[in-house]
All heavy atoms as atom14 arrays in JSON, in Angstrom:
{
  "sequence": "CIEYPARVKLSIYNLAGQLVAALVDGSVEVGNHSVAWNASGFS",
  "atom14_mask": [
    [1, 1, 1, 1, 1, 1, 0, 0, 0, 0, 0, 0, 0, 0],
    [1, 1, 1, 1, 1, 1, 1, 1, 0, 0, 0, 0, 0, 0],
    [1, 1, 1, 1, 1, 1, 1, 1, 1, 0, 0, 0, 0, 0],
    [1, 1, 1, 1, 1, 1, 1, 1, 1, 1, 1, 1, 0, 0],
    [1, 1, 1, 1, 1, 1, 1, 0, 0, 0, 0, 0, 0, 0],
    [1, 1, 1, 1, 1, 0, 0, 0, 0, 0, 0, 0, 0, 0],
    [1, 1, 1, 1, 1, 1, 1, 1, 1, 1, 1, 0, 0, 0],
    [1, 1, 1, 1, 1, 1, 1, 0, 0, 0, 0, 0, 0, 0],
    [1, 1, 1, 1, 1, 1, 1, 1, 1, 0, 0, 0, 0, 0],
    [1, 1, 1, 1, 1, 1, 1, 1, 0, 0, 0, 0, 0, 0],
    [1, 1, 1, 1, 1, 1, 0, 0, 0, 0, 0, 0, 0, 0],
    [1, 1, 1, 1, 1, 1, 1, 1, 0, 0, 0, 0, 0, 0],
    [1, 1, 1, 1, 1, 1, 1, 1, 1, 1, 1, 1, 0, 0],
    [1, 1, 1, 1, 1, 1, 1, 1, 0, 0, 0, 0, 0, 0],
    [1, 1, 1, 1, 1, 1, 1, 1, 0, 0, 0, 0, 0, 0],
    [1, 1, 1, 1, 1, 0, 0, 0, 0, 0, 0, 0, 0, 0],
    [1, 1, 1, 1, 0, 0, 0, 0, 0, 0, 0, 0, 0, 0],
    [1, 1, 1, 1, 1, 1, 1, 1, 1, 0, 0, 0, 0, 0],
    [1, 1, 1, 1, 1, 1, 1, 1, 0, 0, 0, 0, 0, 0],
    [1, 1, 1, 1, 1, 1, 1, 0, 0, 0, 0, 0, 0, 0],
    [1, 1, 1, 1, 1, 0, 0, 0, 0, 0, 0, 0, 0, 0],
    [1, 1, 1, 1, 1, 0, 0, 0, 0, 0, 0, 0, 0, 0],
    [1, 1, 1, 1, 1, 1, 1, 1, 0, 0, 0, 0, 0, 0],
    [1, 1, 1, 1, 1, 1, 1, 0, 0, 0, 0, 0, 0, 0],
    [1, 1, 1, 1, 1, 1, 1, 1, 0, 0, 0, 0, 0, 0],
    [1, 1, 1, 1, 0, 0, 0, 0, 0, 0, 0, 0, 0, 0],
    [1, 1, 1, 1, 1, 1, 0, 0, 0, 0, 0, 0, 0, 0],
    [1, 1, 1, 1, 1, 1, 1, 0, 0, 0, 0, 0, 0, 0],
    [1, 1, 1, 1, 1, 1, 1, 1, 1, 0, 0, 0, 0, 0],
    [1, 1, 1, 1, 1, 1, 1, 0, 0, 0, 0, 0, 0, 0],
    [1, 1, 1, 1, 0, 0, 0, 0, 0, 0, 0, 0, 0, 0],
    [1, 1, 1, 1, 1, 1, 1, 1, 0, 0, 0, 0, 0, 0],
    [1, 1, 1, 1, 1, 1, 1, 1, 1, 1, 0, 0, 0, 0],
    [1, 1, 1, 1, 1, 1, 0, 0, 0, 0, 0, 0, 0, 0],
    [1, 1, 1, 1, 1, 1, 1, 0, 0, 0, 0, 0, 0, 0],
    [1, 1, 1, 1, 1, 0, 0, 0, 0, 0, 0, 0, 0, 0],
    [1, 1, 1, 1, 1, 1, 1, 1, 1, 1, 1, 1, 1, 1],
    [1, 1, 1, 1, 1, 1, 1, 1, 0, 0, 0, 0, 0, 0],
    [1, 1, 1, 1, 1, 0, 0, 0, 0, 0, 0, 0, 0, 0],
    [1, 1, 1, 1, 1, 1, 0, 0, 0, 0, 0, 0, 0, 0],
    [1, 1, 1, 1, 0, 0, 0, 0, 0, 0, 0, 0, 0, 0],
    [1, 1, 1, 1, 1, 1, 1, 1, 1, 1, 1, 0, 0, 0],
    [1, 1, 1, 1, 1, 1, 0, 0, 0, 0, 0, 0, 0, 0]
  ],
  "atom14_positions": [
    [[-8.16, 6.64, 1.59], [-9.61, 6.61, 1.59], [-10.08, 6.29, 0.18], [-9.57, 6.86, -0.79], [-10.16, 7.97, 2.03], [-11.97, 8.02, 2.07], [0.0, 0.0, 0.0], [0.0, 0.0, 0.0], [0.0, 0.0, 0.0], [0.0, 0.0, 0.0], [0.0, 0.0, 0.0], [0.0, 0.0, 0.0], [0.0, 0.0, 0.0], [0.0, 0.0, 0.0]],
    [[-11.03, 5.39, 0.08], [-11.64, 5.08, -1.22], [-13.14, 5.29, -1.12], [-13.73, 5.11, -0.06], [-11.3, 3.66, -1.72], [-11.77, 2.59, -0.74], [-9.8, 3.53, -1.95], [-11.62, 1.18, -1.28], [0.0, 0.0, 0.0], [0.0, 0.0, 0.0], [0.0, 0.0, 0.0], [0.0, 0.0, 0.0], [0.0, 0.0, 0.0], [0.0, 0.0, 0.0]],
    [[-13.76, 5.71, -2.22], [-15.18, 6.05, -2.23], [-16.08, 4.93, -2.71], [-17.29, 5.1, -2.79], [-15.41, 7.29, -3.11], [-14.77, 8.53, -2.53], [-15.06, 9.77, -3.36], [-15.65, 9.64, -4.46], [-14.71, 10.85, -2.9], [0.0, 0.0, 0.0], [0.0, 0.0, 0.0], [0.0, 0.0, 0.0], [0.0, 0.0, 0.0], [0.0, 0.0, 0.0]],
    [[-15.5, 3.79, -3.07], [-16.29, 2.67, -3.55], [-15.5, 1.39, -3.25], [-14.28, 1.41, -3.16], [-16.56, 2.78, -5.05], [-15.32, 3.05, -5.86], [-14.52, 1.99, -6.31], [-14.9, 4.35, -6.13], [-13.36, 2.23, -7.01], [-13.74, 4.59, -6.84], [-12.97, 3.53, -7.28], [-11.81, 3.77, -7.97], [0.0, 0.0, 0.0], [0.0, 0.0, 0.0]],
    [[-16.18, 0.25, -3.04], [-15.46, -1.0, -2.82], [-14.62, -1.31, -4.06], [-15.08, -1.14, -5.19], [-16.57, -2.04, -2.65], [-17.83, -1.28, -2.45], [-17.64, 0.06, -3.05], [0.0, 0.0, 0.0], [0.0, 0.0, 0.0], [0.0, 0.0, 0.0], [0.0, 0.0, 0.0], [0.0, 0.0, 0.0], [0.0, 0.0, 0.0], [0.0, 0.0, 0.0]],
    [[-13.38, -1.73, -3.85], [-12.5, -1.97, -4.99], [-11.37, -2.91, -4.59], [-11.07, -3.09, -3.42], [-11.91, -0.65, -5.5], [0.0, 0.0, 0.0], [0.0, 0.0, 0.0], [0.0, 0.0, 0.0], [0.0, 0.0, 0.0], [0.0, 0.0, 0.0], [0.0, 0.0, 0.0], [0.0, 0.0, 0.0], [0.0, 0.0, 0.0], [0.0, 0.0, 0.0]],
    [[-10.75, -3.47, -5.62], [-9.49, -4.19, -5.42], [-8.43, -3.12, -5.26], [-8.29, -2.24, -6.11], [-9.18, -5.09, -6.6], [-7.86, -5.81, -6.42], [-7.69, -6.92, -7.45], [-6.4, -7.52, -7.32], [-6.09, -8.48, -6.45], [-7.03, -8.93, -5.64], [-4.89, -8.99, -6.38], [0.0, 0.0, 0.0], [0.0, 0.0, 0.0], [0.0, 0.0, 0.0]],
    [[-7.68, -3.19, -4.17], [-6.7, -2.16, -3.83], [-5.31, -2.76, -3.78], [-5.11, -3.86, -3.27], [-7.05, -1.51, -2.46], [-5.92, -0.64, -1.95], [-8.33, -0.71, -2.58], [0.0, 0.0, 0.0], [0.0, 0.0, 0.0], [0.0, 0.0, 0.0], [0.0, 0.0, 0.0], [0.0, 0.0, 0.0], [0.0, 0.0, 0.0], [0.0, 0.0, 0.0]],
    [[-4.36, -2.01, -4.34], [-2.94, -2.33, -4.21], [-2.27, -1.1, -3.63], [-2.42, 0.0, -4.17], [-2.31, -2.67, -5.55], [-2.67, -4.02, -6.09], [-1.92, -4.28, -7.37], [-1.65, -5.77, -7.47], [-0.74, -6.07, -8.59], [0.0, 0.0, 0.0], [0.0, 0.0, 0.0], [0.0, 0.0, 0.0], [0.0, 0.0, 0.0], [0.0, 0.0, 0.0]],
    [[-1.56, -1.29, -2.53], [-0.79, -0.22, -1.91], [0.65, -0.72, -1.84], [0.92, -1.71, -1.16], [-1.33, 0.12, -0.53], [-0.64, 1.25, 0.21], [-0.88, 2.58, -0.51], [-1.15, 1.35, 1.64], [0.0, 0.0, 0.0], [0.0, 0.0, 0.0], [0.0, 0.0, 0.0], [0.0, 0.0, 0.0], [0.0, 0.0, 0.0], [0.0, 0.0, 0.0]],
    [[1.54, -0.04, -2.56], [2.92, -0.53, -2.7], [3.91, 0.6, -2.5], [3.6, 1.76, -2.74], [3.12, -1.13, -4.1], [2.15, -2.1, -4.38], [0.0, 0.0, 0.0], [0.0, 0.0, 0.0], [0.0, 0.0, 0.0], [0.0, 0.0, 0.0], [0.0, 0.0, 0.0], [0.0, 0.0, 0.0], [0.0, 0.0, 0.0], [0.0, 0.0, 0.0]],
    [[5.14, 0.22, -2.11], [6.24, 1.16, -1.94], [7.3, 0.83, -2.99], [7.66, -0.34, -3.16], [6.88, 1.07, -0.53], [5.82, 1.17, 0.56], [7.98, 2.11, -0.37], [5.11, 2.49, 0.66], [0.0, 0.0, 0.0], [0.0, 0.0, 0.0], [0.0, 0.0, 0.0], [0.0, 0.0, 0.0], [0.0, 0.0, 0.0], [0.0, 0.0, 0.0]],
    [[7.78, 1.87, -3.68], [8.81, 1.73, -4.71], [10.01, 2.6, -4.35], [9.85, 3.67, -3.75], [8.28, 2.17, -6.08], [7.15, 1.29, -6.56], [5.83, 1.55, -6.2], [7.42, 0.21, -7.39], [4.8, 0.74, -6.64], [6.39, -0.61, -7.84], [5.08, -0.34, -7.45], [4.07, -1.15, -7.89], [0.0, 0.0, 0.0], [0.0, 0.0, 0.0]],
    [[11.2, 2.15, -4.74], [12.4, 2.97, -4.55], [12.55, 3.93, -5.72], [11.75, 3.94, -6.65], [13.65, 2.12, -4.33], [14.01, 1.27, -5.52], [13.56, 1.5, -6.64], [14.84, 0.27, -5.29], [0.0, 0.0, 0.0], [0.0, 0.0, 0.0], [0.0, 0.0, 0.0], [0.0, 0.0, 0.0], [0.0, 0.0, 0.0], [0.0, 0.0, 0.0]],
    [[13.59, 4.74, -5.66], [13.83, 5.76, -6.68], [14.06, 5.16, -8.07], [13.76, 5.78, -9.08], [15.02, 6.62, -6.27], [15.24, 7.93, -6.98], [14.0, 8.81, -6.92], [16.42, 8.66, -6.39], [0.0, 0.0, 0.0], [0.0, 0.0, 0.0], [0.0, 0.0, 0.0], [0.0, 0.0, 0.0], [0.0, 0.0, 0.0], [0.0, 0.0, 0.0]],
    [[14.54, 3.92, -8.11], [14.77, 3.24, -9.39], [13.49, 2.61, -9.94], [13.5, 2.02, -11.01], [15.84, 2.16, -9.23], [0.0, 0.0, 0.0], [0.0, 0.0, 0.0], [0.0, 0.0, 0.0], [0.0, 0.0, 0.0], [0.0, 0.0, 0.0], [0.0, 0.0, 0.0], [0.0, 0.0, 0.0], [0.0, 0.0, 0.0], [0.0, 0.0, 0.0]],
    [[12.37, 2.75, -9.21], [11.1, 2.19, -9.66], [10.91, 0.74, -9.3], [9.98, 0.1, -9.78], [0.0, 0.0, 0.0], [0.0, 0.0, 0.0], [0.0, 0.0, 0.0], [0.0, 0.0, 0.0], [0.0, 0.0, 0.0], [0.0, 0.0, 0.0], [0.0, 0.0, 0.0], [0.0, 0.0, 0.0], [0.0, 0.0, 0.0], [0.0, 0.0, 0.0]],
    [[11.77, 0.19, -8.43], [11.65, -1.2, -8.02], [10.71, -1.33, -6.83], [10.77, -0.53, -5.89], [13.02, -1.75, -7.63], [14.01, -1.71, -8.77], [15.43, -1.89, -8.28], [15.83, -1.35, -7.26], [16.22, -2.65, -9.04], [0.0, 0.0, 0.0], [0.0, 0.0, 0.0], [0.0, 0.0, 0.0], [0.0, 0.0, 0.0], [0.0, 0.0, 0.0]],
    [[9.85, -2.33, -6.86], [8.94, -2.6, -5.75], [9.76, -3.04, -4.54], [10.56, -3.97, -4.63], [7.96, -3.7, -6.14], [6.99, -4.17, -5.06], [5.99, -3.06, -4.73], [6.27, -5.43, -5.52], [0.0, 0.0, 0.0], [0.0, 0.0, 0.0], [0.0, 0.0, 0.0], [0.0, 0.0, 0.0], [0.0, 0.0, 0.0], [0.0, 0.0, 0.0]],
    [[9.58, -2.36, -3.4], [10.31, -2.74, -2.19], [9.38, -3.25, -1.09], [9.83, -3.92, -0.16], [11.19, -1.58, -1.65], [12.27, -1.22, -2.65], [10.37, -0.37, -1.27], [0.0, 0.0, 0.0], [0.0, 0.0, 0.0], [0.0, 0.0, 0.0], [0.0, 0.0, 0.0], [0.0, 0.0, 0.0], [0.0, 0.0, 0.0], [0.0, 0.0, 0.0]],
    [[8.08, -2.95, -1.19], [7.12, -3.45, -0.2], [5.72, -3.44, -0.81], [5.31, -2.45, -1.4], [7.15, -2.6, 1.06], [0.0, 0.0, 0.0], [0.0, 0.0, 0.0], [0.0, 0.0, 0.0], [0.0, 0.0, 0.0], [0.0, 0.0, 0.0], [0.0, 0.0, 0.0], [0.0, 0.0, 0.0], [0.0, 0.0, 0.0], [0.0, 0.0, 0.0]],
    [[5.01, -4.55, -0.64], [3.6, -4.64, -1.04], [2.8, -4.67, 0.25], [2.85, -5.64, 1.0], [3.36, -5.88, -1.88], [0.0, 0.0, 0.0], [0.0, 0.0, 0.0], [0.0, 0.0, 0.0], [0.0, 0.0, 0.0], [0.0, 0.0, 0.0], [0.0, 0.0, 0.0], [0.0, 0.0, 0.0], [0.0, 0.0, 0.0], [0.0, 0.0, 0.0]],
    [[2.07, -3.6, 0.55], [1.39, -3.46, 1.83], [-0.06, -3.95, 1.8], [-0.55, -4.49, 2.78], [1.44, -2.01, 2.3], [2.84, -1.41, 2.42], [2.75, 0.06, 2.81], [3.68, -2.19, 3.42], [0.0, 0.0, 0.0], [0.0, 0.0, 0.0], [0.0, 0.0, 0.0], [0.0, 0.0, 0.0], [0.0, 0.0, 0.0], [0.0, 0.0, 0.0]],
    [[-0.75, -3.73, 0.7], [-2.14, -4.17, 0.56], [-2.31, -4.71, -0.86], [-1.82, -4.1, -1.81], [-3.14, -2.99, 0.78], [-4.57, -3.45, 0.53], [-2.99, -2.4, 2.17], [0.0, 0.0, 0.0], [0.0, 0.0, 0.0], [0.0, 0.0, 0.0], [0.0, 0.0, 0.0], [0.0, 0.0, 0.0], [0.0, 0.0, 0.0], [0.0, 0.0, 0.0]],
    [[-3.0, -5.83, -0.98], [-3.31, -6.38, -2.29], [-4.56, -7.24, -2.13], [-4.49, -8.42, -1.83], [-2.16, -7.22, -2.84], [-2.39, -7.66, -4.28], [-3.44, -7.32, -4.85], [-1.53, -8.37, -4.82], [0.0, 0.0, 0.0], [0.0, 0.0, 0.0], [0.0, 0.0, 0.0], [0.0, 0.0, 0.0], [0.0, 0.0, 0.0], [0.0, 0.0, 0.0]],
    [[-5.72, -6.59, -2.3], [-6.97, -7.32, -2.14], [-8.16, -6.4, -2.14], [-8.05, -5.19, -2.32], [0.0, 0.0, 0.0], [0.0, 0.0, 0.0], [0.0, 0.0, 0.0], [0.0, 0.0, 0.0], [0.0, 0.0, 0.0], [0.0, 0.0, 0.0], [0.0, 0.0, 0.0], [0.0, 0.0, 0.0], [0.0, 0.0, 0.0], [0.0, 0.0, 0.0]],
    [[-9.33, -6.97, -1.89], [-10.58, -6.21, -1.87], [-10.68, -5.39, -0.6], [-10.37, -5.88, 0.49], [-11.77, -7.15, -1.95], [-11.74, -7.83, -3.18], [0.0, 0.0, 0.0], [0.0, 0.0, 0.0], [0.0, 0.0, 0.0], [0.0, 0.0, 0.0], [0.0, 0.0, 0.0], [0.0, 0.0, 0.0], [0.0, 0.0, 0.0], [0.0, 0.0, 0.0]],
    [[-11.09, -4.12, -0.76], [-11.21, -3.2, 0.37], [-12.56, -2.51, 0.29], [-13.02, -2.15, -0.79], [-10.05, -2.16, 0.34], [-10.22, -1.12, 1.43], [-8.71, -2.86, 0.48], [0.0, 0.0, 0.0], [0.0, 0.0, 0.0], [0.0, 0.0, 0.0], [0.0, 0.0, 0.0], [0.0, 0.0, 0.0], [0.0, 0.0, 0.0], [0.0, 0.0, 0.0]],
    [[-13.19, -2.32, 1.43], [-14.49, -1.65, 1.51], [-14.32, -0.14, 1.47], [-13.23, 0.39, 1.68], [-15.21, -2.06, 2.8], [-15.62, -3.52, 2.83], [-16.61, -3.86, 1.73], [-17.53, -3.07, 1.47], [-16.44, -4.92, 1.09], [0.0, 0.0, 0.0], [0.0, 0.0, 0.0], [0.0, 0.0, 0.0], [0.0, 0.0, 0.0], [0.0, 0.0, 0.0]],
    [[-15.41, 0.57, 1.23], [-15.45, 2.03, 1.21], [-14.99, 2.57, 2.56], [-15.27, 1.98, 3.6], [-16.9, 2.51, 0.94], [-17.01, 4.01, 1.1], [-17.35, 2.06, -0.43], [0.0, 0.0, 0.0], [0.0, 0.0, 0.0], [0.0, 0.0, 0.0], [0.0, 0.0, 0.0], [0.0, 0.0, 0.0], [0.0, 0.0, 0.0], [0.0, 0.0, 0.0]],
    [[-14.27, 3.7, 2.53], [-13.93, 4.38, 3.77], [-12.46, 4.65, 3.94], [-11.66, 4.53, 3.01], [0.0, 0.0, 0.0], [0.0, 0.0, 0.0], [0.0, 0.0, 0.0], [0.0, 0.0, 0.0], [0.0, 0.0, 0.0], [0.0, 0.0, 0.0], [0.0, 0.0, 0.0], [0.0, 0.0, 0.0], [0.0, 0.0, 0.0], [0.0, 0.0, 0.0]],
    [[-12.13, 5.02, 5.19], [-10.76, 5.35, 5.57], [-10.04, 4.11, 6.07], [-10.62, 3.32, 6.81], [-10.76, 6.41, 6.68], [-11.35, 7.71, 6.21], [-10.94, 8.24, 5.19], [-12.32, 8.22, 6.95], [0.0, 0.0, 0.0], [0.0, 0.0, 0.0], [0.0, 0.0, 0.0], [0.0, 0.0, 0.0], [0.0, 0.0, 0.0], [0.0, 0.0, 0.0]],
    [[-8.78, 3.99, 5.67], [-7.95, 2.84, 6.06], [-6.56, 3.33, 6.4], [-6.13, 4.38, 5.93], [-7.88, 1.83, 4.91], [-9.23, 1.39, 4.44], [-9.93, 0.35, 5.02], [-10.01, 1.86, 3.43], [-11.08, 0.21, 4.39], [-11.16, 1.11, 3.42], [0.0, 0.0, 0.0], [0.0, 0.0, 0.0], [0.0, 0.0, 0.0], [0.0, 0.0, 0.0]],
    [[-5.83, 2.56, 7.2], [-4.44, 2.91, 7.49], [-3.6, 1.64, 7.56], [-4.09, 0.57, 7.93], [-4.31, 3.71, 8.78], [-4.67, 2.93, 9.89], [0.0, 0.0, 0.0], [0.0, 0.0, 0.0], [0.0, 0.0, 0.0], [0.0, 0.0, 0.0], [0.0, 0.0, 0.0], [0.0, 0.0, 0.0], [0.0, 0.0, 0.0], [0.0, 0.0, 0.0]],
    [[-2.33, 1.79, 7.17], [-1.37, 0.7, 7.15], [-0.05, 1.23, 7.69], [0.34, 2.35, 7.37], [-1.16, 0.18, 5.7], [-0.11, -0.9, 5.65], [-2.46, -0.32, 5.11], [0.0, 0.0, 0.0], [0.0, 0.0, 0.0], [0.0, 0.0, 0.0], [0.0, 0.0, 0.0], [0.0, 0.0, 0.0], [0.0, 0.0, 0.0], [0.0, 0.0, 0.0]],
    [[0.63, 0.43, 8.49], [1.96, 0.81, 8.99], [3.02, 0.25, 8.05], [2.9, -0.88, 7.58], [2.16, 0.28, 10.4], [0.0, 0.0, 0.0], [0.0, 0.0, 0.0], [0.0, 0.0, 0.0], [0.0, 0.0, 0.0], [0.0, 0.0, 0.0], [0.0, 0.0, 0.0], [0.0, 0.0, 0.0], [0.0, 0.0, 0.0], [0.0, 0.0, 0.0]],
    [[4.04, 1.06, 7.78], [5.19, 0.6, 7.0], [6.42, 0.73, 7.88], [6.78, 1.82, 8.31], [5.37, 1.41, 5.72], [6.57, 0.98, 4.91], [6.93, -0.29, 4.6], [7.56, 1.82, 4.32], [8.08, -0.3, 3.84], [8.49, 0.99, 3.65], [7.75, 3.2, 4.27], [9.59, 1.49, 2.97], [8.84, 3.7, 3.58], [9.75, 2.84, 2.93]],
    [[7.06, -0.4, 8.17], [8.29, -0.42, 8.94], [9.46, -0.26, 7.98], [9.78, -1.18, 7.24], [8.41, -1.72, 9.74], [9.66, -1.77, 10.57], [10.51, -0.88, 10.5], [9.77, -2.8, 11.39], [0.0, 0.0, 0.0], [0.0, 0.0, 0.0], [0.0, 0.0, 0.0], [0.0, 0.0, 0.0], [0.0, 0.0, 0.0], [0.0, 0.0, 0.0]],
    [[10.09, 0.9, 7.99], [11.18, 1.21, 7.06], [12.54, 1.04, 7.69], [13.54, 1.5, 7.14], [11.01, 2.65, 6.55], [0.0, 0.0, 0.0], [0.0, 0.0, 0.0], [0.0, 0.0, 0.0], [0.0, 0.0, 0.0], [0.0, 0.0, 0.0], [0.0, 0.0, 0.0], [0.0, 0.0, 0.0], [0.0, 0.0, 0.0], [0.0, 0.0, 0.0]],
    [[12.62, 0.35, 8.83], [13.89, 0.23, 9.54], [14.96, -0.52, 8.74], [16.14, -0.29, 8.93], [13.69, -0.43, 10.91], [13.15, -1.72, 10.74], [0.0, 0.0, 0.0], [0.0, 0.0, 0.0], [0.0, 0.0, 0.0], [0.0, 0.0, 0.0], [0.0, 0.0, 0.0], [0.0, 0.0, 0.0], [0.0, 0.0, 0.0], [0.0, 0.0, 0.0]],
    [[14.58, -1.38, 7.83], [15.56, -2.12, 7.04], [15.94, -1.44, 5.72], [16.68, -2.01, 4.93], [0.0, 0.0, 0.0], [0.0, 0.0, 0.0], [0.0, 0.0, 0.0], [0.0, 0.0, 0.0], [0.0, 0.0, 0.0], [0.0, 0.0, 0.0], [0.0, 0.0, 0.0], [0.0, 0.0, 0.0], [0.0, 0.0, 0.0], [0.0, 0.0, 0.0]],
    [[15.45, -0.24, 5.5], [15.67, 0.45, 4.25], [16.67, 1.59, 4.42], [16.76, 2.18, 5.49], [14.35, 1.0, 3.7], [13.38, -0.07, 3.33], [12.49, -0.58, 4.27], [13.35, -0.6, 2.06], [11.6, -1.57, 3.95], [12.45, -1.6, 1.72], [11.58, -2.1, 2.67], [0.0, 0.0, 0.0], [0.0, 0.0, 0.0], [0.0, 0.0, 0.0]],
    [[17.4, 1.9, 3.34], [18.38, 2.98, 3.4], [17.71, 4.33, 3.17], [16.61, 4.41, 2.63], [19.49, 2.76, 2.36], [18.94, 2.74, 1.07], [0.0, 0.0, 0.0], [0.0, 0.0, 0.0], [0.0, 0.0, 0.0], [0.0, 0.0, 0.0], [0.0, 0.0, 0.0], [0.0, 0.0, 0.0], [0.0, 0.0, 0.0], [0.0, 0.0, 0.0]]
  ]
}
């Protein structure tokens, strides 16, 4: 949830700090949002 319109980045990182998935990267409006992450290919 964000309280103001903003450029949003939602990312997943592994324990080593490496980016493993970029789920959102763009402008998002105020409010509640949800994103699915399929982790079936991850250890």
